[in-house]
C-alpha cells in the first residue's frame, strides 16, 4: 500500500467539509492528521540475525531527515468506548561508505563501497480503547491495538542491491492521558507499546493541544518510535524521532 500520492492539503479540505456538514451535537468521529519532521536516532542492523554483519544505518551511514504524514480516524461507540484506524507510512534514506566489508541478506558489500540505504516502516493499526476516567479537567484510557507492520531495509551500491522485507502482525497495548488546565488547552500523552523476550515496540506522543472551537483541535509535540527484534531472520533496533504538528476535526 503506497501513500506517496496522498495530498495532506486535500485530505484536510475534505475532512473540513465533512465536519461542517455534520452539524451541531456531540462528535462521534475524530479525524487526526499529523505531519512534521522525522529523523533517525540509532538504527542497528544485522541481516540475517544469526550470520550477517552488524552495522548502523544512522551512525556509519548518514541518514537524512525527512517529512512524514500520518492519519488516524477514531469512532466513539459511546462515552467510554472507541475504535480507531491508523495509517502511518515512513521512509528514511541514507548514504555513505563503511570502512569494512559487510554481509547483508546473503550479499557481501566490499569496504569503502558507496552505499545508499532505504529504511521503510509502514504501520497500519486497528485499536480499541476504554476511557475509564473522565472529568472536565482530565481523561485517561487503556486499550489494545492490532498492528500490521510492513517494513523493509534495502542497501544499494553501483553494481549490486539487497533488500530484506518483513510483514507481520504485532499486538500492542494502547494508553492515553490528557490534563486540561483550561477548557481549550491540554497536555496529552498517547501511545502504543509492548515488550517481549524477542523484541519490543513503542510509539508514544507527548503534545500540547489547543482547541479554538468545538469542531477543531491543534497540537504540537514530540513523538518517539522505538523498538525492534532479535531473531534468527533479522536483528534490528531503531529509534525514530518526530517533531509533530497536527490537527483534529471532530465530526
Foldseek 3Di string as FASTA:
>chain_A
DDDPPPDPVVVVVVLVVVLVVVDDDAFFKKKKKKKFKKDWDWKWKAFQLVDWDIDTCPPQWPKDMDMWMKIKMKGHPDPFKIKMKIKGKDKIKTWDFAQAWIQHQNDIDGGRFIKMKIKIKIKIKMWMKTWPDDDLFKTKIKTKMKMWIWIKMKMDGPPDIDMDTDIDIDIWMWMKMWGHPDNFKIWIKIWTWDADPFKIWIWIWTWIKGDPDPFKIKIWTKIWIWMFGRDSRIGITIIMIGGIIMMMGGD
